[in-house]
Amino acid sequence: MSQTIVNKDSVMDFVCSKVQEVLQTDEALTLDKDLASLGMDSFNSMNLVIEFETRFEIVFDDEELLFENFATVRNMVDRICAKLDVDSLEL
């Protein structure tokens, strides 16, 4: 059985892909774009949280489930990387 290597780039790729899927947009995402401007709401955020928890086998604590923690790609990637003990984005 092969094991997938998880690093900040693979996390960012997955996050961008899922955000575009959930928001139904082909718009290129930047790390700090306010996703609310593309239609992100609390329902979409929770859908993403479920996707991230399932894909990366992590669990977000209740106090982490604030809308602002999932307002940008950078916020999401940094939060996931922290859970996985992977270096955060330094772009």
PDB file of N, CA and C in Angstrom:
ATOM      1  N   MET A   1       0.835  -1.164   0.000  1.00  0.00           N
ATOM      2  CA  MET A   1       0.000   0.000   0.000  1.00  0.00           C
ATOM      3  C   MET A   1       0.891   1.242   0.000  1.00  0.00           C
ATOM      4  N   SER A   2       0.603   2.197  -0.893  1.00  0.00           N
ATOM      5  CA  SER A   2       1.416   3.409  -0.973  1.00  0.00           C
ATOM      6  C   SER A   2       0.873   4.456  -0.010  1.00  0.00           C
ATOM      7  N   GLN A   3       1.778   5.268   0.507  1.00  0.00           N
ATOM      8  CA  GLN A   3       1.407   6.317   1.451  1.00  0.00           C
ATOM      9  C   GLN A   3       1.573   7.664   0.768  1.00  0.00           C
ATOM     10  N   THR A   4       0.587   8.529   0.925  1.00  0.00           N
ATOM     11  CA  THR A   4       0.640   9.853   0.335  1.00  0.00           C
ATOM     12  C   THR A   4       1.484  10.763   1.223  1.00  0.00           C
ATOM     13  N   ILE A   5       2.397  11.487   0.591  1.00  0.00           N
ATOM     14  CA  ILE A   5       3.219  12.446   1.318  1.00  0.00           C
ATOM     15  C   ILE A   5       2.424  13.730   1.472  1.00  0.00           C
ATOM     16  N   VAL A   6       2.334  14.206   2.710  1.00  0.00           N
ATOM     17  CA  VAL A   6       1.605  15.435   2.982  1.00  0.00           C
ATOM     18  C   VAL A   6       2.615  16.518   3.337  1.00  0.00           C
ATOM     19  N   ASN A   7       2.589  17.591   2.551  1.00  0.00           N
ATOM     20  CA  ASN A   7       3.407  18.759   2.851  1.00  0.00           C
ATOM     21  C   ASN A   7       2.541  19.990   2.612  1.00  0.00           C
ATOM     22  N   LYS A   8       3.088  21.158   2.891  1.00  0.00           N
ATOM     23  CA  LYS A   8       2.265  22.366   2.777  1.00  0.00           C
ATOM     24  C   LYS A   8       1.748  22.593   1.362  1.00  0.00           C
ATOM     25  N   ASP A   9       2.524  22.190   0.354  1.00  0.00           N
ATOM     26  CA  ASP A   9       2.068  22.361  -1.026  1.00  0.00           C
ATOM     27  C   ASP A   9       0.889  21.442  -1.346  1.00  0.00           C
ATOM     28  N   SER A  10       0.962  20.196  -0.885  1.00  0.00           N
ATOM     29  CA  SER A  10      -0.146  19.272  -1.158  1.00  0.00           C
ATOM     30  C   SER A  10      -1.398  19.691  -0.383  1.00  0.00           C
ATOM     31  N   VAL A  11      -1.206  20.217   0.824  1.00  0.00           N
ATOM     32  CA  VAL A  11      -2.348  20.725   1.594  1.00  0.00           C
ATOM     33  C   VAL A  11      -2.961  21.906   0.861  1.00  0.00           C
ATOM     34  N   MET A  12      -2.125  22.842   0.392  1.00  0.00           N
ATOM     35  CA  MET A  12      -2.630  24.012  -0.316  1.00  0.00           C
ATOM     36  C   MET A  12      -3.378  23.597  -1.588  1.00  0.00           C
ATOM     37  N   ASP A  13      -2.838  22.652  -2.334  1.00  0.00           N
ATOM     38  CA  ASP A  13      -3.510  22.182  -3.556  1.00  0.00           C
ATOM     39  C   ASP A  13      -4.888  21.607  -3.238  1.00  0.00           C
ATOM     40  N   PHE A  14      -4.952  20.788  -2.180  1.00  0.00           N
ATOM     41  CA  PHE A  14      -6.229  20.185  -1.802  1.00  0.00           C
ATOM     42  C   PHE A  14      -7.218  21.256  -1.345  1.00  0.00           C
ATOM     43  N   VAL A  15      -6.760  22.184  -0.510  1.00  0.00           N
ATOM     44  CA  VAL A  15      -7.637  23.247  -0.015  1.00  0.00           C
ATOM     45  C   VAL A  15      -8.178  24.078  -1.177  1.00  0.00           C
ATOM     46  N   CYS A  16      -7.310  24.488  -2.083  1.00  0.00           N
ATOM     47  CA  CYS A  16      -7.760  25.296  -3.232  1.00  0.00           C
ATOM     48  C   CYS A  16      -8.778  24.545  -4.075  1.00  0.00           C
ATOM     49  N   SER A  17      -8.507  23.289  -4.326  1.00  0.00           N
ATOM     50  CA  SER A  17      -9.416  22.469  -5.115  1.00  0.00           C
ATOM     51  C   SER A  17     -10.785  22.364  -4.449  1.00  0.00           C
ATOM     52  N   LYS A  18     -10.795  22.102  -3.149  1.00  0.00           N
ATOM     53  CA  LYS A  18     -12.065  21.945  -2.431  1.00  0.00           C
ATOM     54  C   LYS A  18     -12.810  23.267  -2.311  1.00  0.00           C
ATOM     55  N   VAL A  19     -12.088  24.359  -2.094  1.00  0.00           N
ATOM     56  CA  VAL A  19     -12.735  25.673  -2.013  1.00  0.00           C
ATOM     57  C   VAL A  19     -13.399  25.991  -3.342  1.00  0.00           C
ATOM     58  N   GLN A  20     -12.687  25.771  -4.443  1.00  0.00           N
ATOM     59  CA  GLN A  20     -13.271  26.033  -5.761  1.00  0.00           C
ATOM     60  C   GLN A  20     -14.494  25.144  -6.009  1.00  0.00           C
ATOM     61  N   GLU A  21     -14.408  23.901  -5.567  1.00  0.00           N
ATOM     62  CA  GLU A  21     -15.533  22.974  -5.733  1.00  0.00           C
ATOM     63  C   GLU A  21     -16.746  23.431  -4.912  1.00  0.00           C
ATOM     64  N   VAL A  22     -16.531  23.742  -3.646  1.00  0.00           N
ATOM     65  CA  VAL A  22     -17.630  24.134  -2.759  1.00  0.00           C
ATOM     66  C   VAL A  22     -18.246  25.459  -3.196  1.00  0.00           C
ATOM     67  N   LEU A  23     -17.411  26.406  -3.615  1.00  0.00           N
ATOM     68  CA  LEU A  23     -17.908  27.715  -4.042  1.00  0.00           C
ATOM     69  C   LEU A  23     -18.323  27.734  -5.504  1.00  0.00           C
ATOM     70  N   GLN A  24     -18.110  26.619  -6.185  1.00  0.00           N
ATOM     71  CA  GLN A  24     -18.464  26.488  -7.602  1.00  0.00           C
ATOM     72  C   GLN A  24     -17.898  27.638  -8.424  1.00  0.00           C
ATOM     73  N   THR A  25     -16.567  27.803  -8.299  1.00  0.00           N
ATOM     74  CA  THR A  25     -15.880  28.859  -9.037  1.00  0.00           C
ATOM     75  C   THR A  25     -14.612  28.306  -9.674  1.00  0.00           C
ATOM     76  N   ASP A  26     -14.255  28.884 -10.798  1.00  0.00           N
ATOM     77  CA  ASP A  26     -12.989  28.556 -11.452  1.00  0.00           C
ATOM     78  C   ASP A  26     -11.974  29.667 -11.223  1.00  0.00           C
ATOM     79  N   GLU A  27     -12.377  30.686 -10.465  1.00  0.00           N
ATOM     80  CA  GLU A  27     -11.488  31.824 -10.207  1.00  0.00           C
ATOM     81  C   GLU A  27     -10.233  31.347  -9.487  1.00  0.00           C
ATOM     82  N   ALA A  28      -9.098  31.848  -9.959  1.00  0.00           N
ATOM     83  CA  ALA A  28      -7.832  31.514  -9.299  1.00  0.00           C
ATOM     84  C   ALA A  28      -7.858  32.108  -7.895  1.00  0.00           C
ATOM     85  N   LEU A  29      -7.432  31.314  -6.938  1.00  0.00           N
ATOM     86  CA  LEU A  29      -7.452  31.755  -5.548  1.00  0.00           C
ATOM     87  C   LEU A  29      -6.077  32.225  -5.118  1.00  0.00           C
ATOM     88  N   THR A  30      -6.050  33.315  -4.387  1.00  0.00           N
ATOM     89  CA  THR A  30      -4.804  33.758  -3.769  1.00  0.00           C
ATOM     90  C   THR A  30      -4.878  33.367  -2.301  1.00  0.00           C
ATOM     91  N   LEU A  31      -3.727  33.336  -1.653  1.00  0.00           N
ATOM     92  CA  LEU A  31      -3.675  32.880  -0.266  1.00  0.00           C
ATOM     93  C   LEU A  31      -4.510  33.744   0.677  1.00  0.00           C
ATOM     94  N   ASP A  32      -4.573  35.042   0.412  1.00  0.00           N
ATOM     95  CA  ASP A  32      -5.220  35.950   1.351  1.00  0.00           C
ATOM     96  C   ASP A  32      -6.526  36.548   0.845  1.00  0.00           C
ATOM     97  N   LYS A  33      -7.063  36.010  -0.235  1.00  0.00           N
ATOM     98  CA  LYS A  33      -8.346  36.501  -0.757  1.00  0.00           C
ATOM     99  C   LYS A  33      -9.439  36.216   0.262  1.00  0.00           C
ATOM    100  N   ASP A  34     -10.244  37.223   0.560  1.00  0.00           N
ATOM    101  CA  ASP A  34     -11.378  37.042   1.455  1.00  0.00           C
ATOM    102  C   ASP A  34     -12.422  36.198   0.723  1.00  0.00           C
ATOM    103  N   LEU A  35     -12.586  34.962   1.162  1.00  0.00           N
ATOM    104  CA  LEU A  35     -13.452  34.031   0.449  1.00  0.00           C
ATOM    105  C   LEU A  35     -14.930  34.375   0.560  1.00  0.00           C
ATOM    106  N   ALA A  36     -15.298  35.228   1.509  1.00  0.00           N
ATOM    107  CA  ALA A  36     -16.690  35.681   1.601  1.00  0.00           C
ATOM    108  C   ALA A  36     -17.077  36.432   0.333  1.00  0.00           C
ATOM    109  N   SER A  37     -16.113  37.082  -0.291  1.00  0.00           N
ATOM    110  CA  SER A  37     -16.396  37.815  -1.533  1.00  0.00           C
ATOM    111  C   SER A  37     -16.722  36.878  -2.687  1.00  0.00           C
ATOM    112  N   LEU A  38     -16.403  35.590  -2.520  1.00  0.00           N
ATOM    113  CA  LEU A  38     -16.726  34.596  -3.540  1.00  0.00           C
ATOM    114  C   LEU A  38     -17.940  33.748  -3.150  1.00  0.00           C
ATOM    115  N   GLY A  39     -18.549  34.088  -2.021  1.00  0.00           N
ATOM    116  CA  GLY A  39     -19.745  33.368  -1.601  1.00  0.00           C
ATOM    117  C   GLY A  39     -19.552  32.430  -0.418  1.00  0.00           C
ATOM    118  N   MET A  40     -18.378  32.472   0.215  1.00  0.00           N
ATOM    119  CA  MET A  40     -18.158  31.623   1.386  1.00  0.00           C
ATOM    120  C   MET A  40     -19.092  32.053   2.506  1.00  0.00           C
ATOM    121  N   ASP A  41     -19.770  31.082   3.089  1.00  0.00           N
ATOM    122  CA  ASP A  41     -20.612  31.348   4.245  1.00  0.00           C
ATOM    123  C   ASP A  41     -20.370  30.239   5.263  1.00  0.00           C
ATOM    124  N   SER A  42     -21.074  30.289   6.381  1.00  0.00           N
ATOM    125  CA  SER A  42     -20.822  29.311   7.444  1.00  0.00           C
ATOM    126  C   SER A  42     -21.160  27.886   6.995  1.00  0.00           C
ATOM    127  N   PHE A  43     -22.172  27.724   6.162  1.00  0.00           N
ATOM    128  CA  PHE A  43     -22.526  26.396   5.656  1.00  0.00           C
ATOM    129  C   PHE A  43     -21.392  25.834   4.806  1.00  0.00           C
ATOM    130  N   ASN A  44     -20.864  26.652   3.891  1.00  0.00           N
ATOM    131  CA  ASN A  44     -19.735  26.217   3.054  1.00  0.00           C
ATOM    132  C   ASN A  44     -18.513  25.915   3.907  1.00  0.00           C
ATOM    133  N   SER A  45     -18.270  26.740   4.921  1.00  0.00           N
ATOM    134  CA  SER A  45     -17.125  26.519   5.807  1.00  0.00           C
ATOM    135  C   SER A  45     -17.220  25.165   6.491  1.00  0.00           C
ATOM    136  N   MET A  46     -18.394  24.835   6.988  1.00  0.00           N
ATOM    137  CA  MET A  46     -18.557  23.551   7.677  1.00  0.00           C
ATOM    138  C   MET A  46     -18.402  22.379   6.712  1.00  0.00           C
ATOM    139  N   ASN A  47     -18.861  22.548   5.480  1.00  0.00           N
ATOM    140  CA  ASN A  47     -18.641  21.507   4.472  1.00  0.00           C
ATOM    141  C   ASN A  47     -17.147  21.288   4.246  1.00  0.00           C
ATOM    142  N   LEU A  48     -16.395  22.381   4.204  1.00  0.00           N
ATOM    143  CA  LEU A  48     -14.943  22.279   4.034  1.00  0.00           C
ATOM    144  C   LEU A  48     -14.290  21.633   5.243  1.00  0.00           C
ATOM    145  N   VAL A  49     -14.728  21.996   6.434  1.00  0.00           N
ATOM    146  CA  VAL A  49     -14.175  21.403   7.653  1.00  0.00           C
ATOM    147  C   VAL A  49     -14.332  19.880   7.604  1.00  0.00           C
ATOM    148  N   ILE A  50     -15.494  19.422   7.210  1.00  0.00           N
ATOM    149  CA  ILE A  50     -15.741  17.971   7.114  1.00  0.00           C
ATOM    150  C   ILE A  50     -14.805  17.347   6.090  1.00  0.00           C
ATOM    151  N   GLU A  51     -14.647  17.994   4.946  1.00  0.00           N
ATOM    152  CA  GLU A  51     -13.728  17.498   3.907  1.00  0.00           C
ATOM    153  C   GLU A  51     -12.305  17.406   4.447  1.00  0.00           C
ATOM    154  N   PHE A  52     -11.850  18.458   5.148  1.00  0.00           N
ATOM    155  CA  PHE A  52     -10.481  18.492   5.673  1.00  0.00           C
ATOM    156  C   PHE A  52     -10.282  17.430   6.754  1.00  0.00           C
ATOM    157  N   GLU A  53     -11.240  17.307   7.648  1.00  0.00           N
ATOM    158  CA  GLU A  53     -11.121  16.308   8.712  1.00  0.00           C
ATOM    159  C   GLU A  53     -11.063  14.900   8.137  1.00  0.00           C
ATOM    160  N   THR A  54     -11.864  14.648   7.127  1.00  0.00           N
ATOM    161  CA  THR A  54     -11.893  13.321   6.499  1.00  0.00           C
ATOM    162  C   THR A  54     -10.603  13.050   5.735  1.00  0.00           C
ATOM    163  N   ARG A  55     -10.197  13.987   4.906  1.00  0.00           N
ATOM    164  CA  ARG A  55      -9.021  13.791   4.052  1.00  0.00           C
ATOM    165  C   ARG A  55      -7.742  13.652   4.863  1.00  0.00           C
ATOM    166  N   PHE A  56      -7.576  14.495   5.871  1.00  0.00           N
ATOM    167  CA  PHE A  56      -6.314  14.527   6.616  1.00  0.00           C
ATOM    168  C   PHE A  56      -6.377  13.791   7.957  1.00  0.00           C
ATOM    169  N   GLU A  57      -7.538  13.189   8.239  1.00  0.00           N
ATOM    170  CA  GLU A  57      -7.726  12.428   9.476  1.00  0.00           C
ATOM    171  C   GLU A  57      -7.356  13.262  10.701  1.00  0.00           C
ATOM    172  N   ILE A  58      -7.946  14.455  10.752  1.00  0.00           N
ATOM    173  CA  ILE A  58      -7.746  15.386  11.860  1.00  0.00           C
ATOM    174  C   ILE A  58      -9.107  15.755  12.434  1.00  0.00           C
ATOM    175  N   VAL A  59      -9.101  16.386  13.588  1.00  0.00           N
ATOM    176  CA  VAL A  59     -10.329  16.886  14.190  1.00  0.00           C
ATOM    177  C   VAL A  59     -10.078  18.308  14.675  1.00  0.00           C
ATOM    178  N   PHE A  60     -10.939  19.212  14.251  1.00  0.00           N
ATOM    179  CA  PHE A  60     -10.861  20.583  14.725  1.00  0.00           C
ATOM    180  C   PHE A  60     -11.639  20.685  16.032  1.00  0.00           C
ATOM    181  N   ASP A  61     -11.059  21.341  17.016  1.00  0.00           N
ATOM    182  CA  ASP A  61     -11.741  21.578  18.284  1.00  0.00           C
ATOM    183  C   ASP A  61     -12.863  22.588  18.066  1.00  0.00           C
ATOM    184  N   ASP A  62     -13.887  22.505  18.904  1.00  0.00           N
ATOM    185  CA  ASP A  62     -15.033  23.411  18.763  1.00  0.00           C
ATOM    186  C   ASP A  62     -14.619  24.872  18.730  1.00  0.00           C
ATOM    187  N   GLU A  63     -13.650  25.246  19.580  1.00  0.00           N
ATOM    188  CA  GLU A  63     -13.247  26.652  19.627  1.00  0.00           C
ATOM    189  C   GLU A  63     -12.499  27.097  18.370  1.00  0.00           C
ATOM    190  N   GLU A  64     -12.080  26.154  17.531  1.00  0.00           N
ATOM    191  CA  GLU A  64     -11.415  26.498  16.271  1.00  0.00           C
ATOM    192  C   GLU A  64     -12.409  26.762  15.149  1.00  0.00           C
ATOM    193  N   LEU A  65     -13.642  26.363  15.344  1.00  0.00           N
ATOM    194  CA  LEU A  65     -14.632  26.419  14.278  1.00  0.00           C
ATOM    195  C   LEU A  65     -15.276  27.800  14.153  1.00  0.00           C
ATOM    196  N   LEU A  66     -14.432  28.804  14.088  1.00  0.00           N
ATOM    197  CA  LEU A  66     -14.879  30.171  13.880  1.00  0.00           C
ATOM    198  C   LEU A  66     -14.757  30.511  12.402  1.00  0.00           C
ATOM    199  N   PHE A  67     -15.732  31.276  11.896  1.00  0.00           N
ATOM    200  CA  PHE A  67     -15.747  31.614  10.473  1.00  0.00           C
ATOM    201  C   PHE A  67     -14.430  32.240  10.031  1.00  0.00           C
ATOM    202  N   GLU A  68     -13.865  33.141  10.863  1.00  0.00           N
ATOM    203  CA  GLU A  68     -12.631  33.824  10.461  1.00  0.00           C
ATOM    204  C   GLU A  68     -11.445  32.866  10.336  1.00  0.00           C
ATOM    205  N   ASN A  69     -11.490  31.726  10.990  1.00  0.00           N
ATOM    206  CA  ASN A  69     -10.415  30.746  10.863  1.00  0.00           C
ATOM    207  C   ASN A  69     -10.413  30.048   9.504  1.00  0.00           C
ATOM    208  N   PHE A  70     -11.501  30.215   8.767  1.00  0.00           N
ATOM    209  CA  PHE A  70     -11.618  29.580   7.456  1.00  0.00           C
ATOM    210  C   PHE A  70     -11.968  30.619   6.385  1.00  0.00           C
ATOM    211  N   ALA A  71     -11.584  31.875   6.635  1.00  0.00           N
ATOM    212  CA  ALA A  71     -11.950  32.979   5.743  1.00  0.00           C
ATOM    213  C   ALA A  71     -11.028  33.120   4.543  1.00  0.00           C
ATOM    214  N   THR A  72      -9.816  32.560   4.636  1.00  0.00           N
ATOM    215  CA  THR A  72      -8.863  32.626   3.520  1.00  0.00           C
ATOM    216  C   THR A  72      -8.212  31.263   3.341  1.00  0.00           C
ATOM    217  N   VAL A  73      -7.636  31.055   2.192  1.00  0.00           N
ATOM    218  CA  VAL A  73      -6.901  29.816   1.930  1.00  0.00           C
ATOM    219  C   VAL A  73      -5.734  29.698   2.913  1.00  0.00           C
ATOM    220  N   ARG A  74      -5.025  30.801   3.152  1.00  0.00           N
ATOM    221  CA  ARG A  74      -3.892  30.765   4.080  1.00  0.00           C
ATOM    222  C   ARG A  74      -4.337  30.300   5.470  1.00  0.00           C
ATOM    223  N   ASN A  75      -5.442  30.853   5.970  1.00  0.00           N
ATOM    224  CA  ASN A  75      -5.935  30.456   7.288  1.00  0.00           C
ATOM    225  C   ASN A  75      -6.214  28.955   7.340  1.00  0.00           C
ATOM    226  N   MET A  76      -6.861  28.446   6.310  1.00  0.00           N
ATOM    227  CA  MET A  76      -7.202  27.019   6.277  1.00  0.00           C
ATOM    228  C   MET A  76      -5.942  26.159   6.229  1.00  0.00           C
ATOM    229  N   VAL A  77      -5.032  26.508   5.328  1.00  0.00           N
ATOM    230  CA  VAL A  77      -3.808  25.719   5.159  1.00  0.00           C
ATOM    231  C   VAL A  77      -2.976  25.757   6.441  1.00  0.00           C
ATOM    232  N   ASP A  78      -2.819  26.925   7.028  1.00  0.00           N
ATOM    233  CA  ASP A  78      -2.039  27.034   8.264  1.00  0.00           C
ATOM    234  C   ASP A  78      -2.656  26.203   9.386  1.00  0.00           C
ATOM    235  N   ARG A  79      -3.976  26.231   9.495  1.00  0.00           N
ATOM    236  CA  ARG A  79      -4.667  25.483  10.552  1.00  0.00           C
ATOM    237  C   ARG A  79      -4.494  23.978  10.334  1.00  0.00           C
ATOM    238  N   ILE A  80      -4.635  23.523   9.095  1.00  0.00           N
ATOM    239  CA  ILE A  80      -4.456  22.095   8.782  1.00  0.00           C
ATOM    240  C   ILE A  80      -3.015  21.686   9.023  1.00  0.00           C
ATOM    241  N   CYS A  81      -2.075  22.493   8.545  1.00  0.00           N
ATOM    242  CA  CYS A  81      -0.654  22.172   8.723  1.00  0.00           C
ATOM    243  C   CYS A  81      -0.284  22.099  10.203  1.00  0.00           C
ATOM    244  N   ALA A  82      -0.862  22.963  11.012  1.00  0.00           N
ATOM    245  CA  ALA A  82      -0.597  22.917  12.454  1.00  0.00           C
ATOM    246  C   ALA A  82      -1.092  21.602  13.044  1.00  0.00           C
ATOM    247  N   LYS A  83      -2.254  21.149  12.602  1.00  0.00           N
ATOM    248  CA  LYS A  83      -2.803  19.875  13.086  1.00  0.00           C
ATOM    249  C   LYS A  83      -1.920  18.704  12.666  1.00  0.00           C
ATOM    250  N   LEU A  84      -1.336  18.819  11.474  1.00  0.00           N
ATOM    251  CA  LEU A  84      -0.512  17.735  10.922  1.00  0.00           C
ATOM    252  C   LEU A  84       0.952  17.858  11.308  1.00  0.00           C
ATOM    253  N   ASP A  85       1.295  18.944  12.010  1.00  0.00           N
ATOM    254  CA  ASP A  85       2.677  19.230  12.369  1.00  0.00           C
ATOM    255  C   ASP A  85       3.561  19.354  11.121  1.00  0.00           C
ATOM    256  N   VAL A  86       3.017  20.065  10.129  1.00  0.00           N
ATOM    257  CA  VAL A  86       3.710  20.360   8.870  1.00  0.00           C
ATOM    258  C   VAL A  86       3.981  21.844   8.860  1.00  0.00           C
ATOM    259  N   ASP A  87       5.110  22.273   8.322  1.00  0.00           N
ATOM    260  CA  ASP A  87       5.441  23.694   8.272  1.00  0.00           C
ATOM    261  C   ASP A  87       4.326  24.486   7.609  1.00  0.00           C
ATOM    262  N   SER A  88       3.996  25.643   8.173  1.00  0.00           N
ATOM    263  CA  SER A  88       2.989  26.526   7.616  1.00  0.00           C
ATOM    264  C   SER A  88       3.534  27.252   6.396  1.00  0.00           C
ATOM    265  N   LEU A  89       2.632  27.866   5.658  1.00  0.00           N
ATOM    266  CA  LEU A  89       3.019  28.596   4.453  1.00  0.00           C
ATOM    267  C   LEU A  89       3.835  29.834   4.821  1.00  0.00           C
ATOM    268  N   GLU A  90       4.902  30.048   4.109  1.00  0.00           N
ATOM    269  CA  GLU A  90       5.736  31.215   4.355  1.00  0.00           C
ATOM    270  C   GLU A  90       5.816  32.070   3.101  1.00  0.00           C
ATOM    271  N   LEU A  91       4.724  32.166   2.379  1.00  0.00           N
ATOM    272  CA  LEU A  91       4.707  32.925   1.127  1.00  0.00           C
ATOM    273  C   LEU A  91       4.355  34.366   1.372  1.00  0.00           C
TER     274      LEU A  91
END
